[in-house]
PDB file of N, CA and C in Angstrom:
ATOM      1  N   UNK A   1     177.187 242.653 204.785  1.00  0.00           N
ATOM      2  CA  UNK A   1     175.805 241.885 203.885  1.00  0.00           C
ATOM      3  C   UNK A   1     175.817 240.944 202.900  1.00  0.00           C
ATOM      4  N   UNK A   2     176.826 241.093 201.739  1.00  0.00           N
ATOM      5  CA  UNK A   2     177.571 240.220 200.821  1.00  0.00           C
ATOM      6  C   UNK A   2     177.353 238.914 201.168  1.00  0.00           C
ATOM      7  N   UNK A   3     178.347 238.839 202.290  1.00  0.00           N
ATOM      8  CA  UNK A   3     179.164 238.227 203.135  1.00  0.00           C
ATOM      9  C   UNK A   3     178.423 237.185 203.374  1.00  0.00           C
ATOM     10  N   UNK A   4     177.323 237.436 204.684  1.00  0.00           N
ATOM     11  CA  UNK A   4     176.350 236.992 204.881  1.00  0.00           C
ATOM     12  C   UNK A   4     175.567 236.244 204.019  1.00  0.00           C
ATOM     13  N   UNK A   5     175.316 236.535 202.934  1.00  0.00           N
ATOM     14  CA  UNK A   5     173.715 235.240 202.203  1.00  0.00           C
ATOM     15  C   UNK A   5     175.442 234.795 201.420  1.00  0.00           C
ATOM     16  N   UNK A   6     176.353 235.022 201.122  1.00  0.00           N
ATOM     17  CA  UNK A   6     177.369 233.867 200.758  1.00  0.00           C
ATOM     18  C   UNK A   6     177.452 233.075 201.421  1.00  0.00           C
ATOM     19  N   UNK A   7     177.748 233.535 203.347  1.00  0.00           N
ATOM     20  CA  UNK A   7     177.847 232.276 204.370  1.00  0.00           C
ATOM     21  C   UNK A   7     176.917 231.885 204.328  1.00  0.00           C
ATOM     22  N   UNK A   8     175.218 231.905 203.878  1.00  0.00           N
ATOM     23  CA  UNK A   8     174.197 231.448 203.909  1.00  0.00           C
ATOM     24  C   UNK A   8     174.044 230.162 203.208  1.00  0.00           C
ATOM     25  N   UNK A   9     174.559 230.908 201.772  1.00  0.00           N
ATOM     26  CA  UNK A   9     174.149 230.022 200.995  1.00  0.00           C
ATOM     27  C   UNK A   9     175.295 228.626 201.071  1.00  0.00           C
ATOM     28  N   UNK A  10     176.524 229.003 201.444  1.00  0.00           N
ATOM     29  CA  UNK A  10     177.558 227.811 201.465  1.00  0.00           C
ATOM     30  C   UNK A  10     176.847 226.908 202.596  1.00  0.00           C
ATOM     31  N   UNK A  11     176.740 227.372 203.751  1.00  0.00           N
ATOM     32  CA  UNK A  11     175.895 226.452 204.730  1.00  0.00           C
ATOM     33  C   UNK A  11     174.851 225.801 204.457  1.00  0.00           C
ATOM     34  N   UNK A  12     173.908 226.119 203.691  1.00  0.00           N
ATOM     35  CA  UNK A  12     172.746 225.474 203.064  1.00  0.00           C
ATOM     36  C   UNK A  12     172.988 224.112 202.344  1.00  0.00           C
ATOM     37  N   UNK A  13     174.305 224.875 201.361  1.00  0.00           N
ATOM     38  CA  UNK A  13     175.157 223.352 200.282  1.00  0.00           C
ATOM     39  C   UNK A  13     175.452 222.753 201.037  1.00  0.00           C
ATOM     40  N   UNK A  14     176.509 223.037 202.070  1.00  0.00           N
ATOM     41  CA  UNK A  14     177.036 222.046 202.901  1.00  0.00           C
ATOM     42  C   UNK A  14     176.255 220.941 203.547  1.00  0.00           C
ATOM     43  N   UNK A  15     175.033 221.704 204.048  1.00  0.00           N
ATOM     44  CA  UNK A  15     174.260 220.863 204.963  1.00  0.00           C
ATOM     45  C   UNK A  15     173.778 219.786 204.020  1.00  0.00           C
ATOM     46  N   UNK A  16     173.007 219.752 203.085  1.00  0.00           N
ATOM     47  CA  UNK A  16     172.629 219.061 201.849  1.00  0.00           C
ATOM     48  C   UNK A  16     173.560 218.281 201.331  1.00  0.00           C
ATOM     49  N   UNK A  17     174.680 218.187 201.720  1.00  0.00           N
ATOM     50  CA  UNK A  17     175.994 217.456 200.588  1.00  0.00           C
ATOM     51  C   UNK A  17     174.830 216.403 201.304  1.00  0.00           C
ATOM     52  N   UNK A  18     175.214 215.337 202.162  1.00  0.00           N
ATOM     53  CA  UNK A  18     174.515 213.400 202.435  1.00  0.00           C
ATOM     54  C   UNK A  18     173.669 213.495 201.398  1.00  0.00           C
ATOM     55  N   UNK A  19     172.104 214.608 201.417  1.00  0.00           N
ATOM     56  CA  UNK A  19     171.192 214.085 200.478  1.00  0.00           C
ATOM     57  C   UNK A  19     171.480 214.249 198.819  1.00  0.00           C
ATOM     58  N   UNK A  20     172.621 214.922 198.851  1.00  0.00           N
ATOM     59  CA  UNK A  20     172.604 215.207 196.953  1.00  0.00           C
ATOM     60  C   UNK A  20     173.755 213.646 196.999  1.00  0.00           C
ATOM     61  N   UNK A  21     174.828 213.345 197.763  1.00  0.00           N
ATOM     62  CA  UNK A  21     175.688 211.740 197.497  1.00  0.00           C
ATOM     63  C   UNK A  21     174.892 210.902 197.777  1.00  0.00           C
ATOM     64  N   UNK A  22     173.384 210.885 198.027  1.00  0.00           N
ATOM     65  CA  UNK A  22     172.754 209.463 198.083  1.00  0.00           C
ATOM     66  C   UNK A  22     172.455 209.066 197.435  1.00  0.00           C
ATOM     67  N   UNK A  23     172.116 207.960 196.641  1.00  0.00           N
ATOM     68  CA  UNK A  23     171.159 207.022 195.688  1.00  0.00           C
ATOM     69  C   UNK A  23     169.857 207.699 195.626  1.00  0.00           C
ATOM     70  N   UNK A  24     169.767 208.330 194.669  1.00  0.00           N
ATOM     71  CA  UNK A  24     168.547 208.860 194.563  1.00  0.00           C
ATOM     72  C   UNK A  24     167.748 207.734 194.601  1.00  0.00           C
ATOM     73  N   UNK A  25     166.182 208.374 194.860  1.00  0.00           N
ATOM     74  CA  UNK A  25     164.907 207.320 195.250  1.00  0.00           C
ATOM     75  C   UNK A  25     164.658 206.740 193.501  1.00  0.00           C
ATOM     76  N   UNK A  26     164.561 205.547 193.522  1.00  0.00           N
ATOM     77  CA  UNK A  26     164.495 205.007 192.406  1.00  0.00           C
ATOM     78  C   UNK A  26     164.607 203.220 192.372  1.00  0.00           C
ATOM     79  N   UNK A  27     164.444 202.355 191.211  1.00  0.00           N
ATOM     80  CA  UNK A  27     164.409 201.117 191.711  1.00  0.00           C
ATOM     81  C   UNK A  27     166.114 200.453 191.899  1.00  0.00           C
ATOM     82  N   UNK A  28     165.971 199.540 192.460  1.00  0.00           N
ATOM     83  CA  UNK A  28     166.820 198.941 192.567  1.00  0.00           C
ATOM     84  C   UNK A  28     167.039 197.391 192.597  1.00  0.00           C
ATOM     85  N   UNK A  29     167.585 196.931 191.243  1.00  0.00           N
ATOM     86  CA  UNK A  29     167.105 195.365 191.301  1.00  0.00           C
ATOM     87  C   UNK A  29     168.442 194.499 191.603  1.00  0.00           C
ATOM     88  N   UNK A  30     168.035 192.975 192.271  1.00  0.00           N
ATOM     89  CA  UNK A  30     168.430 192.021 192.829  1.00  0.00           C
ATOM     90  C   UNK A  30     168.276 190.881 192.491  1.00  0.00           C
ATOM     91  N   UNK A  31     168.848 189.631 192.277  1.00  0.00           N
ATOM     92  CA  UNK A  31     168.906 188.415 192.006  1.00  0.00           C
ATOM     93  C   UNK A  31     167.900 187.656 192.032  1.00  0.00           C
ATOM     94  N   UNK A  32     167.890 187.447 193.053  1.00  0.00           N
ATOM     95  CA  UNK A  32     166.144 187.120 193.157  1.00  0.00           C
ATOM     96  C   UNK A  32     166.074 185.322 193.646  1.00  0.00           C
ATOM     97  N   UNK A  33     167.414 184.910 192.764  1.00  0.00           N
ATOM     98  CA  UNK A  33     167.293 183.171 192.966  1.00  0.00           C
ATOM     99  C   UNK A  33     166.124 182.907 191.804  1.00  0.00           C
ATOM    100  N   UNK A  34     166.120 181.168 191.906  1.00  0.00           N
ATOM    101  CA  UNK A  34     164.834 180.521 190.824  1.00  0.00           C
ATOM    102  C   UNK A  34     164.069 181.442 190.606  1.00  0.00           C
ATOM    103  N   UNK A  35     163.077 182.465 191.744  1.00  0.00           N
ATOM    104  CA  UNK A  35     162.261 182.647 191.812  1.00  0.00           C
ATOM    105  C   UNK A  35     162.114 184.112 190.641  1.00  0.00           C
ATOM    106  N   UNK A  36     163.207 184.483 190.663  1.00  0.00           N
ATOM    107  CA  UNK A  36     163.172 185.422 189.484  1.00  0.00           C
ATOM    108  C   UNK A  36     163.703 186.766 190.073  1.00  0.00           C
ATOM    109  N   UNK A  37     163.962 187.740 189.445  1.00  0.00           N
ATOM    110  CA  UNK A  37     164.597 189.199 189.816  1.00  0.00           C
ATOM    111  C   UNK A  37     163.742 189.571 191.025  1.00  0.00           C
ATOM    112  N   UNK A  38     164.096 190.670 191.581  1.00  0.00           N
ATOM    113  CA  UNK A  38     163.316 191.431 192.720  1.00  0.00           C
ATOM    114  C   UNK A  38     163.648 192.907 192.694  1.00  0.00           C
ATOM    115  N   UNK A  39     162.972 193.961 192.216  1.00  0.00           N
ATOM    116  CA  UNK A  39     163.419 195.179 192.476  1.00  0.00           C
ATOM    117  C   UNK A  39     162.467 195.766 192.814  1.00  0.00           C
ATOM    118  N   UNK A  40     163.372 196.538 194.194  1.00  0.00           N
ATOM    119  CA  UNK A  40     162.867 197.455 195.019  1.00  0.00           C
ATOM    120  C   UNK A  40     162.845 198.589 194.384  1.00  0.00           C
ATOM    121  N   UNK A  41     161.628 199.188 194.662  1.00  0.00           N
ATOM    122  CA  UNK A  41     161.329 200.605 194.381  1.00  0.00           C
ATOM    123  C   UNK A  41     161.129 201.648 195.876  1.00  0.00           C
ATOM    124  N   UNK A  42     161.873 202.348 195.697  1.00  0.00           N
ATOM    125  CA  UNK A  42     161.965 203.048 196.483  1.00  0.00           C
ATOM    126  C   UNK A  42     161.134 204.261 197.007  1.00  0.00           C
ATOM    127  N   UNK A  43     160.589 204.298 195.493  1.00  0.00           N
ATOM    128  CA  UNK A  43     159.343 205.515 195.413  1.00  0.00           C
ATOM    129  C   UNK A  43     157.850 205.088 195.838  1.00  0.00           C
ATOM    130  N   UNK A  44     157.677 203.392 195.806  1.00  0.00           N
ATOM    131  CA  UNK A  44     156.501 202.751 196.301  1.00  0.00           C
ATOM    132  C   UNK A  44     156.276 202.844 197.977  1.00  0.00           C
ATOM    133  N   UNK A  45     158.105 202.795 198.547  1.00  0.00           N
ATOM    134  CA  UNK A  45     157.868 202.632 199.947  1.00  0.00           C
ATOM    135  C   UNK A  45     158.054 203.892 200.367  1.00  0.00           C
ATOM    136  N   UNK A  46     158.417 205.141 199.523  1.00  0.00           N
ATOM    137  CA  UNK A  46     158.088 207.148 200.135  1.00  0.00           C
ATOM    138  C   UNK A  46     157.106 206.970 200.035  1.00  0.00           C
ATOM    139  N   UNK A  47     155.792 206.390 199.474  1.00  0.00           N
ATOM    140  CA  UNK A  47     155.149 207.000 199.149  1.00  0.00           C
ATOM    141  C   UNK A  47     153.795 206.464 200.277  1.00  0.00           C
ATOM    142  N   UNK A  48     154.390 205.717 201.109  1.00  0.00           N
ATOM    143  CA  UNK A  48     153.740 204.842 202.170  1.00  0.00           C
ATOM    144  C   UNK A  48     154.210 205.534 203.429  1.00  0.00           C
ATOM    145  N   UNK A  49     155.060 206.382 203.474  1.00  0.00           N
ATOM    146  CA  UNK A  49     155.528 207.348 204.552  1.00  0.00           C
ATOM    147  C   UNK A  49     156.718 207.137 204.839  1.00  0.00           C
ATOM    148  N   UNK A  50     157.442 206.198 204.497  1.00  0.00           N
ATOM    149  CA  UNK A  50     158.738 205.641 204.824  1.00  0.00           C
ATOM    150  C   UNK A  50     159.825 206.603 204.367  1.00  0.00           C
ATOM    151  N   UNK A  51     161.074 206.838 204.759  1.00  0.00           N
ATOM    152  CA  UNK A  51     162.170 207.218 204.789  1.00  0.00           C
ATOM    153  C   UNK A  51     163.596 206.771 204.612  1.00  0.00           C
ATOM    154  N   UNK A  52     164.184 206.826 204.112  1.00  0.00           N
ATOM    155  CA  UNK A  52     165.405 206.303 203.808  1.00  0.00           C
ATOM    156  C   UNK A  52     166.015 206.157 205.202  1.00  0.00           C
ATOM    157  N   UNK A  53     166.025 206.759 206.183  1.00  0.00           N
ATOM    158  CA  UNK A  53     166.596 206.254 207.722  1.00  0.00           C
ATOM    159  C   UNK A  53     165.881 205.227 208.118  1.00  0.00           C
ATOM    160  N   UNK A  54     164.924 205.047 207.667  1.00  0.00           N
ATOM    161  CA  UNK A  54     163.596 203.940 208.605  1.00  0.00           C
ATOM    162  C   UNK A  54     163.909 202.345 208.267  1.00  0.00           C
ATOM    163  N   UNK A  55     164.857 202.218 207.216  1.00  0.00           N
ATOM    164  CA  UNK A  55     165.655 200.661 207.071  1.00  0.00           C
ATOM    165  C   UNK A  55     167.055 201.123 207.266  1.00  0.00           C
ATOM    166  N   UNK A  56     167.403 202.465 207.413  1.00  0.00           N
ATOM    167  CA  UNK A  56     169.114 202.316 207.166  1.00  0.00           C
ATOM    168  C   UNK A  56     169.656 202.969 208.201  1.00  0.00           C
ATOM    169  N   UNK A  57     169.253 203.288 208.589  1.00  0.00           N
ATOM    170  CA  UNK A  57     169.625 204.148 210.354  1.00  0.00           C
ATOM    171  C   UNK A  57     169.153 203.332 211.403  1.00  0.00           C
ATOM    172  N   UNK A  58     167.838 203.767 211.680  1.00  0.00           N
ATOM    173  CA  UNK A  58     167.438 203.413 213.066  1.00  0.00           C
ATOM    174  C   UNK A  58     166.233 202.133 212.238  1.00  0.00           C
ATOM    175  N   UNK A  59     165.922 201.170 212.345  1.00  0.00           N
ATOM    176  CA  UNK A  59     166.866 200.726 213.282  1.00  0.00           C
ATOM    177  C   UNK A  59     167.542 200.354 211.745  1.00  0.00           C
ATOM    178  N   UNK A  60     169.052 199.631 211.775  1.00  0.00           N
ATOM    179  CA  UNK A  60     169.779 199.709 210.843  1.00  0.00           C
ATOM    180  C   UNK A  60     169.444 197.959 210.057  1.00  0.00           C
ATOM    181  N   UNK A  61     168.604 198.273 209.085  1.00  0.00           N
ATOM    182  CA  UNK A  61     168.363 196.889 208.276  1.00  0.00           C
ATOM    183  C   UNK A  61     169.514 196.377 207.670  1.00  0.00           C
ATOM    184  N   UNK A  62     169.269 197.826 206.594  1.00  0.00           N
ATOM    185  CA  UNK A  62     170.511 197.525 205.529  1.00  0.00           C
ATOM    186  C   UNK A  62     171.396 198.363 205.213  1.00  0.00           C
ATOM    187  N   UNK A  63     173.182 198.200 204.828  1.00  0.00           N
ATOM    188  CA  UNK A  63     173.907 198.905 204.512  1.00  0.00           C
ATOM    189  C   UNK A  63     173.616 200.219 203.478  1.00  0.00           C
ATOM    190  N   UNK A  64     173.932 201.151 203.217  1.00  0.00           N
ATOM    191  CA  UNK A  64     173.563 202.201 202.240  1.00  0.00           C
ATOM    192  C   UNK A  64     173.982 201.985 201.211  1.00  0.00           C
ATOM    193  N   UNK A  65     175.264 201.037 201.295  1.00  0.00           N
ATOM    194  CA  UNK A  65     176.065 200.745 199.674  1.00  0.00           C
ATOM    195  C   UNK A  65     175.693 199.770 198.850  1.00  0.00           C
ATOM    196  N   UNK A  66     174.533 200.120 198.135  1.00  0.00           N
ATOM    197  CA  UNK A  66     174.446 198.641 197.309  1.00  0.00           C
ATOM    198  C   UNK A  66     175.301 197.486 196.558  1.00  0.00           C
ATOM    199  N   UNK A  67     174.558 196.082 197.357  1.00  0.00           N
ATOM    200  CA  UNK A  67     175.438 195.099 197.277  1.00  0.00           C
ATOM    201  C   UNK A  67     176.484 194.862 198.666  1.00  0.00           C
ATOM    202  N   UNK A  68     176.363 195.455 199.397  1.00  0.00           N
ATOM    203  CA  UNK A  68     176.940 194.565 200.616  1.00  0.00           C
ATOM    204  C   UNK A  68     176.558 193.975 201.361  1.00  0.00           C
ATOM    205  N   UNK A  69     175.108 193.909 201.245  1.00  0.00           N
ATOM    206  CA  UNK A  69     174.257 193.005 202.468  1.00  0.00           C
ATOM    207  C   UNK A  69     173.641 191.534 201.381  1.00  0.00           C
ATOM    208  N   UNK A  70     174.112 190.922 201.515  1.00  0.00           N
ATOM    209  CA  UNK A  70     173.608 189.423 201.303  1.00  0.00           C
ATOM    210  C   UNK A  70     172.153 189.004 201.673  1.00  0.00           C
ATOM    211  N   UNK A  71     171.313 189.572 200.675  1.00  0.00           N
ATOM    212  CA  UNK A  71     169.548 189.029 201.316  1.00  0.00           C
ATOM    213  C   UNK A  71     169.420 187.466 201.033  1.00  0.00           C
ATOM    214  N   UNK A  72     168.987 186.677 202.118  1.00  0.00           N
ATOM    215  CA  UNK A  72     168.148 185.345 201.025  1.00  0.00           C
ATOM    216  C   UNK A  72     166.502 185.277 202.347  1.00  0.00           C
ATOM    217  N   UNK A  73     165.982 184.185 201.913  1.00  0.00           N
ATOM    218  CA  UNK A  73     165.138 184.090 202.014  1.00  0.00           C
ATOM    219  C   UNK A  73     164.771 183.658 203.227  1.00  0.00           C
ATOM    220  N   UNK A  74     165.692 182.968 204.151  1.00  0.00           N
ATOM    221  CA  UNK A  74     165.974 182.520 205.563  1.00  0.00           C
ATOM    222  C   UNK A  74     166.016 184.351 206.285  1.00  0.00           C
ATOM    223  N   UNK A  75     166.964 184.331 205.980  1.00  0.00           N
ATOM    224  CA  UNK A  75     166.723 185.991 206.821  1.00  0.00           C
ATOM    225  C   UNK A  75     165.465 186.664 206.815  1.00  0.00           C
ATOM    226  N   UNK A  76     165.092 186.812 206.033  1.00  0.00           N
ATOM    227  CA  UNK A  76     163.782 187.583 205.619  1.00  0.00           C
ATOM    228  C   UNK A  76     162.644 186.891 206.202  1.00  0.00           C
ATOM    229  N   UNK A  77     162.560 185.314 206.413  1.00  0.00           N
ATOM    230  CA  UNK A  77     161.992 184.854 207.567  1.00  0.00           C
ATOM    231  C   UNK A  77     161.840 185.171 208.396  1.00  0.00           C
ATOM    232  N   UNK A  78     163.330 185.271 208.980  1.00  0.00           N
ATOM    233  CA  UNK A  78     163.752 185.438 210.551  1.00  0.00           C
ATOM    234  C   UNK A  78     163.343 186.332 210.839  1.00  0.00           C
ATOM    235  N   UNK A  79     162.980 187.959 210.099  1.00  0.00           N
ATOM    236  CA  UNK A  79     162.806 189.107 210.467  1.00  0.00           C
ATOM    237  C   UNK A  79     163.718 189.832 210.031  1.00  0.00           C
ATOM    238  N   UNK A  80     164.673 189.498 208.910  1.00  0.00           N
ATOM    239  CA  UNK A  80     165.681 190.359 208.952  1.00  0.00           C
ATOM    240  C   UNK A  80     165.433 191.544 207.403  1.00  0.00           C
ATOM    241  N   UNK A  81     166.477 191.714 207.314  1.00  0.00           N
ATOM    242  CA  UNK A  81     166.056 192.751 206.252  1.00  0.00           C
ATOM    243  C   UNK A  81     164.224 193.105 205.668  1.00  0.00           C
ATOM    244  N   UNK A  82     164.157 192.570 205.138  1.00  0.00           N
ATOM    245  CA  UNK A  82     162.605 193.151 204.181  1.00  0.00           C
ATOM    246  C   UNK A  82     161.921 192.207 205.297  1.00  0.00           C
ATOM    247  N   UNK A  83     162.377 191.287 205.699  1.00  0.00           N
ATOM    248  CA  UNK A  83     161.341 190.400 206.728  1.00  0.00           C
ATOM    249  C   UNK A  83     160.923 191.264 208.136  1.00  0.00           C
ATOM    250  N   UNK A  84     161.813 192.315 208.430  1.00  0.00           N
ATOM    251  CA  UNK A  84     161.353 193.306 209.856  1.00  0.00           C
ATOM    252  C   UNK A  84     159.933 193.742 209.191  1.00  0.00           C
ATOM    253  N   UNK A  85     159.842 194.266 208.181  1.00  0.00           N
ATOM    254  CA  UNK A  85     158.437 194.841 207.988  1.00  0.00           C
ATOM    255  C   UNK A  85     157.246 193.906 206.987  1.00  0.00           C
ATOM    256  N   UNK A  86     157.903 193.199 206.676  1.00  0.00           N
ATOM    257  CA  UNK A  86     156.965 192.292 205.774  1.00  0.00           C
ATOM    258  C   UNK A  86     156.855 190.668 206.824  1.00  0.00           C
ATOM    259  N   UNK A  87     155.691 191.030 207.351  1.00  0.00           N
ATOM    260  CA  UNK A  87     156.087 190.682 208.368  1.00  0.00           C
ATOM    261  C   UNK A  87     154.143 189.757 208.627  1.00  0.00           C
ATOM    262  N   UNK A  88     153.492 190.478 207.807  1.00  0.00           N
ATOM    263  CA  UNK A  88     152.090 189.807 207.364  1.00  0.00           C
ATOM    264  C   UNK A  88     151.367 190.750 208.466  1.00  0.00           C
ATOM    265  N   UNK A  89     151.962 191.693 209.335  1.00  0.00           N
ATOM    266  CA  UNK A  89     151.209 192.526 209.966  1.00  0.00           C
ATOM    267  C   UNK A  89     151.079 194.112 209.585  1.00  0.00           C
ATOM    268  N   UNK A  90     152.694 194.392 209.662  1.00  0.00           N
ATOM    269  CA  UNK A  90     153.139 195.573 209.226  1.00  0.00           C
ATOM    270  C   UNK A  90     152.720 195.795 207.791  1.00  0.00           C
ATOM    271  N   UNK A  91     153.290 194.840 207.017  1.00  0.00           N
ATOM    272  CA  UNK A  91     153.078 194.732 205.559  1.00  0.00           C
ATOM    273  C   UNK A  91     152.736 193.011 205.357  1.00  0.00           C
ATOM    274  N   UNK A  92     152.654 193.088 203.892  1.00  0.00           N
ATOM    275  CA  UNK A  92     152.626 191.791 203.527  1.00  0.00           C
ATOM    276  C   UNK A  92     153.437 190.696 203.687  1.00  0.00           C
ATOM    277  N   UNK A  93     153.446 189.591 204.019  1.00  0.00           N
ATOM    278  CA  UNK A  93     154.670 188.808 204.547  1.00  0.00           C
ATOM    279  C   UNK A  93     155.324 188.208 203.664  1.00  0.00           C
ATOM    280  N   UNK A  94     156.868 188.090 203.824  1.00  0.00           N
ATOM    281  CA  UNK A  94     157.592 187.622 202.800  1.00  0.00           C
ATOM    282  C   UNK A  94     157.366 185.825 203.069  1.00  0.00           C
ATOM    283  N   UNK A  95     156.903 185.356 203.824  1.00  0.00           N
ATOM    284  CA  UNK A  95     156.639 184.110 204.060  1.00  0.00           C
ATOM    285  C   UNK A  95     155.042 183.460 203.493  1.00  0.00           C
ATOM    286  N   UNK A  96     154.542 183.981 202.530  1.00  0.00           N
ATOM    287  CA  UNK A  96     153.138 184.020 202.263  1.00  0.00           C
ATOM    288  C   UNK A  96     153.689 183.327 200.883  1.00  0.00           C
ATOM    289  N   UNK A  97     153.305 182.801 200.459  1.00  0.00           N
ATOM    290  CA  UNK A  97     153.716 181.576 198.909  1.00  0.00           C
ATOM    291  C   UNK A  97     153.006 182.821 198.339  1.00  0.00           C
ATOM    292  N   UNK A  98     151.349 182.738 198.078  1.00  0.00           N
ATOM    293  CA  UNK A  98     150.841 184.042 196.863  1.00  0.00           C
ATOM    294  C   UNK A  98     151.163 184.588 197.034  1.00  0.00           C
ATOM    295  N   UNK A  99     152.440 185.838 198.111  1.00  0.00           N
ATOM    296  CA  UNK A  99     152.881 186.889 197.885  1.00  0.00           C
ATOM    297  C   UNK A  99     154.096 187.085 196.650  1.00  0.00           C
ATOM    298  N   UNK A 100     154.612 185.788 196.919  1.00  0.00           N
ATOM    299  CA  UNK A 100     155.846 186.012 196.102  1.00  0.00           C
ATOM    300  C   UNK A 100     156.125 186.378 195.136  1.00  0.00           C
ATOM    301  N   UNK A 101     155.057 187.050 194.147  1.00  0.00           N
ATOM    302  CA  UNK A 101     154.801 187.676 192.865  1.00  0.00           C
ATOM    303  C   UNK A 101     155.299 188.989 193.376  1.00  0.00           C
ATOM    304  N   UNK A 102     154.882 189.030 194.597  1.00  0.00           N
ATOM    305  CA  UNK A 102     154.657 191.032 194.657  1.00  0.00           C
ATOM    306  C   UNK A 102     156.138 191.495 194.555  1.00  0.00           C
ATOM    307  N   UNK A 103     156.976 190.765 194.864  1.00  0.00           N
ATOM    308  CA  UNK A 103     158.974 190.999 194.667  1.00  0.00           C
ATOM    309  C   UNK A 103     159.055 190.384 193.693  1.00  0.00           C
ATOM    310  N   UNK A 104     159.285 188.881 193.081  1.00  0.00           N
ATOM    311  CA  UNK A 104     159.747 188.617 192.446  1.00  0.00           C
ATOM    312  C   UNK A 104     158.988 188.303 190.717  1.00  0.00           C
ATOM    313  N   UNK A 105     160.190 188.506 190.012  1.00  0.00           N
ATOM    314  CA  UNK A 105     159.326 188.497 188.841  1.00  0.00           C
ATOM    315  C   UNK A 105     160.224 187.723 187.571  1.00  0.00           C
ATOM    316  N   UNK A 106     159.854 186.887 187.268  1.00  0.00           N
ATOM    317  CA  UNK A 106     161.166 185.948 186.142  1.00  0.00           C
ATOM    318  C   UNK A 106     160.802 186.540 184.719  1.00  0.00           C
TER     319      UNK A 106
END
């Protein structure tokens, strides 16, 4: 009986190791160019009901490792990266000049 309990704990830890090694939900800063730095806040997106896998797995909009993606406004305007959702329909548009300050901070 004791062995079964230890085995159950071991299996639970093994199955959750991916979450333990993942970058914790929080803020990630990007340079952002002349408009100022961009701070991505995972909590804001999670509060809207999104999960990490929604952008990092299916569809794979972003790599899991910070710094692997080279985000540009050109790509976003073409519907890549943030522009896949920030299209003016699902979320505010990356193309709307009035919305630049929602992401870029000088």
